[in-house]
Amino acid sequence: MQLHLDEIALAVEPGAHALVMLDQAGWHMTDKLDIPDNITLLPLPPKAPELNPVENVWQFMRQNWLSNRVFRSSDDILDHCCDAWNKLIDRPWCIMSLGLRQWAHRS
């Protein structure tokens, strides 16, 4: 997690600030993290996957490309996951729609 935060900090434009949403997994919330000054962590409430857009991404990939199959090996799992990921990144409009929350955009 520390390496991940360090990489994000390097990608933040000078003078800008990053907000990183994350679940409350132990490695996300440990006191051992040295959080860079240009990052703020925003922990999501526990047991609220509907608030985390990435959960919708995983669900979409499972429902469309990864479920109802028997994998022959761990390499087969990895190959199918990479294939599903590549299919998804070829559909940016799909990624955007998965992250939308209707309740957040209502007037």
C-alpha atoms as a PDB file:
ATOM      1  CA  MET A   1       0.000   0.000   0.000  1.00  0.00           C
ATOM      2  CA  GLN A   2       2.855   2.354   0.778  1.00  0.00           C
ATOM      3  CA  LEU A   3       4.349   1.834  -2.677  1.00  0.00           C
ATOM      4  CA  HIS A   4       0.932   2.459  -4.216  1.00  0.00           C
ATOM      5  CA  LEU A   5       0.500   5.748  -2.342  1.00  0.00           C
ATOM      6  CA  ASP A   6       4.021   6.816  -3.270  1.00  0.00           C
ATOM      7  CA  GLU A   7       3.262   6.206  -6.964  1.00  0.00           C
ATOM      8  CA  ILE A   8       0.020   8.158  -6.762  1.00  0.00           C
ATOM      9  CA  ALA A   9       1.841  11.041  -5.052  1.00  0.00           C
ATOM     10  CA  LEU A  10       4.345  11.186  -7.908  1.00  0.00           C
ATOM     11  CA  ALA A  11       1.518  11.376 -10.472  1.00  0.00           C
ATOM     12  CA  VAL A  12      -0.261  14.288  -8.767  1.00  0.00           C
ATOM     13  CA  GLU A  13       0.427  17.573 -10.531  1.00  0.00           C
ATOM     14  CA  PRO A  14       2.393  20.136  -8.510  1.00  0.00           C
ATOM     15  CA  GLY A  15      -0.009  22.265  -6.503  1.00  0.00           C
ATOM     16  CA  ALA A  16      -2.796  19.667  -6.828  1.00  0.00           C
ATOM     17  CA  HIS A  17      -4.101  17.257  -4.205  1.00  0.00           C
ATOM     18  CA  ALA A  18      -5.379  13.681  -4.617  1.00  0.00           C
ATOM     19  CA  LEU A  19      -8.301  12.149  -2.782  1.00  0.00           C
ATOM     20  CA  VAL A  20      -8.051   8.358  -2.609  1.00  0.00           C
ATOM     21  CA  MET A  21     -11.227   6.437  -1.762  1.00  0.00           C
ATOM     22  CA  LEU A  22     -10.627   3.061  -0.199  1.00  0.00           C
ATOM     23  CA  ASP A  23     -12.304   0.391   1.826  1.00  0.00           C
ATOM     24  CA  GLN A  24     -11.258  -0.222   5.393  1.00  0.00           C
ATOM     25  CA  ALA A  25      -9.031  -3.226   4.767  1.00  0.00           C
ATOM     26  CA  GLY A  26      -6.285  -3.433   7.380  1.00  0.00           C
ATOM     27  CA  TRP A  27      -3.496  -2.658   4.920  1.00  0.00           C
ATOM     28  CA  HIS A  28      -5.371   0.469   3.751  1.00  0.00           C
ATOM     29  CA  MET A  29      -5.818   1.881   7.251  1.00  0.00           C
ATOM     30  CA  THR A  30      -2.652   0.861   9.080  1.00  0.00           C
ATOM     31  CA  ASP A  31      -0.829   3.466  11.163  1.00  0.00           C
ATOM     32  CA  LYS A  32       2.387   2.263   9.539  1.00  0.00           C
ATOM     33  CA  LEU A  33       1.555   4.157   6.321  1.00  0.00           C
ATOM     34  CA  ASP A  34       3.391   7.380   5.619  1.00  0.00           C
ATOM     35  CA  ILE A  35       0.672   9.264   3.732  1.00  0.00           C
ATOM     36  CA  PRO A  36       2.201  11.790   1.328  1.00  0.00           C
ATOM     37  CA  ASP A  37       1.276  15.441   1.908  1.00  0.00           C
ATOM     38  CA  ASN A  38      -0.480  15.683  -1.477  1.00  0.00           C
ATOM     39  CA  ILE A  39      -2.882  12.799  -0.740  1.00  0.00           C
ATOM     40  CA  THR A  40      -5.916  12.518   1.524  1.00  0.00           C
ATOM     41  CA  LEU A  41      -7.385   9.089   2.233  1.00  0.00           C
ATOM     42  CA  LEU A  42     -11.183   8.822   2.316  1.00  0.00           C
ATOM     43  CA  PRO A  43     -12.227   5.531   3.918  1.00  0.00           C
ATOM     44  CA  LEU A  44     -15.628   4.262   2.841  1.00  0.00           C
ATOM     45  CA  PRO A  45     -18.035   2.985   5.485  1.00  0.00           C
ATOM     46  CA  PRO A  46     -17.590  -0.702   6.329  1.00  0.00           C
ATOM     47  CA  LYS A  47     -19.808  -3.189   4.513  1.00  0.00           C
ATOM     48  CA  ALA A  48     -20.948  -0.618   1.910  1.00  0.00           C
ATOM     49  CA  PRO A  49     -19.703  -1.976  -1.440  1.00  0.00           C
ATOM     50  CA  GLU A  50     -22.384   0.007  -3.288  1.00  0.00           C
ATOM     51  CA  LEU A  51     -20.423   3.170  -2.469  1.00  0.00           C
ATOM     52  CA  ASN A  52     -17.223   1.864  -4.050  1.00  0.00           C
ATOM     53  CA  PRO A  53     -17.374   2.138  -7.860  1.00  0.00           C
ATOM     54  CA  VAL A  54     -14.632  -0.452  -8.346  1.00  0.00           C
ATOM     55  CA  GLU A  55     -16.952  -3.078  -6.850  1.00  0.00           C
ATOM     56  CA  ASN A  56     -19.244  -2.472  -9.837  1.00  0.00           C
ATOM     57  CA  VAL A  57     -16.303  -3.001 -12.188  1.00  0.00           C
ATOM     58  CA  TRP A  58     -15.503  -6.385 -10.602  1.00  0.00           C
ATOM     59  CA  GLN A  59     -19.176  -7.384 -10.683  1.00  0.00           C
ATOM     60  CA  PHE A  60     -19.488  -6.424 -14.349  1.00  0.00           C
ATOM     61  CA  MET A  61     -16.385  -8.418 -15.291  1.00  0.00           C
ATOM     62  CA  ARG A  62     -17.598 -11.468 -13.352  1.00  0.00           C
ATOM     63  CA  GLN A  63     -21.088 -11.323 -14.841  1.00  0.00           C
ATOM     64  CA  ASN A  64     -19.922 -10.820 -18.410  1.00  0.00           C
ATOM     65  CA  TRP A  65     -16.650 -12.671 -18.821  1.00  0.00           C
ATOM     66  CA  LEU A  66     -15.565 -14.631 -15.763  1.00  0.00           C
ATOM     67  CA  SER A  67     -18.524 -16.495 -14.276  1.00  0.00           C
ATOM     68  CA  ASN A  68     -19.988 -19.910 -15.063  1.00  0.00           C
ATOM     69  CA  ARG A  69     -16.767 -21.499 -16.194  1.00  0.00           C
ATOM     70  CA  VAL A  70     -14.281 -24.016 -14.919  1.00  0.00           C
ATOM     71  CA  PHE A  71     -10.674 -22.904 -14.965  1.00  0.00           C
ATOM     72  CA  ARG A  72      -8.023 -25.485 -15.731  1.00  0.00           C
ATOM     73  CA  SER A  73      -5.212 -23.863 -13.762  1.00  0.00           C
ATOM     74  CA  SER A  74      -4.104 -20.680 -12.057  1.00  0.00           C
ATOM     75  CA  ASP A  75      -2.560 -19.610 -15.383  1.00  0.00           C
ATOM     76  CA  ASP A  76      -5.955 -20.125 -17.007  1.00  0.00           C
ATOM     77  CA  ILE A  77      -7.555 -17.881 -14.359  1.00  0.00           C
ATOM     78  CA  LEU A  78      -4.911 -15.232 -14.968  1.00  0.00           C
ATOM     79  CA  ASP A  79      -5.374 -15.436 -18.748  1.00  0.00           C
ATOM     80  CA  HIS A  80      -9.158 -15.041 -18.465  1.00  0.00           C
ATOM     81  CA  CYS A  81      -8.826 -12.142 -16.014  1.00  0.00           C
ATOM     82  CA  CYS A  82      -6.356 -10.354 -18.298  1.00  0.00           C
ATOM     83  CA  ASP A  83      -8.653 -10.940 -21.266  1.00  0.00           C
ATOM     84  CA  ALA A  84     -11.647  -9.576 -19.324  1.00  0.00           C
ATOM     85  CA  TRP A  85      -9.641  -6.534 -18.217  1.00  0.00           C
ATOM     86  CA  ASN A  86      -8.505  -5.829 -21.795  1.00  0.00           C
ATOM     87  CA  LYS A  87     -12.086  -6.108 -23.037  1.00  0.00           C
ATOM     88  CA  LEU A  88     -13.180  -3.645 -20.378  1.00  0.00           C
ATOM     89  CA  ILE A  89     -10.487  -1.034 -21.057  1.00  0.00           C
ATOM     90  CA  ASP A  90     -11.485  -1.098 -24.721  1.00  0.00           C
ATOM     91  CA  ARG A  91     -14.905   0.177 -23.564  1.00  0.00           C
ATOM     92  CA  PRO A  92     -14.270   3.474 -21.727  1.00  0.00           C
ATOM     93  CA  TRP A  93     -17.953   4.388 -21.947  1.00  0.00           C
ATOM     94  CA  CYS A  94     -18.736   1.209 -20.027  1.00  0.00           C
ATOM     95  CA  ILE A  95     -16.229   2.050 -17.295  1.00  0.00           C
ATOM     96  CA  MET A  96     -17.739   5.527 -16.932  1.00  0.00           C
ATOM     97  CA  SER A  97     -21.272   4.167 -16.670  1.00  0.00           C
ATOM     98  CA  LEU A  98     -20.244   1.602 -14.039  1.00  0.00           C
ATOM     99  CA  GLY A  99     -19.007   4.366 -11.760  1.00  0.00           C
ATOM    100  CA  LEU A 100     -22.118   6.518 -11.968  1.00  0.00           C
ATOM    101  CA  ARG A 101     -24.462   6.692  -9.029  1.00  0.00           C
ATOM    102  CA  GLN A 102     -27.945   7.898  -9.922  1.00  0.00           C
ATOM    103  CA  TRP A 103     -28.654   8.965  -6.338  1.00  0.00           C
ATOM    104  CA  ALA A 104     -25.569  11.231  -6.427  1.00  0.00           C
ATOM    105  CA  HIS A 105     -26.745  13.057  -9.561  1.00  0.00           C
ATOM    106  CA  ARG A 106     -30.389  13.684  -8.668  1.00  0.00           C
ATOM    107  CA  SER A 107     -31.445  17.276  -8.040  1.00  0.00           C
END
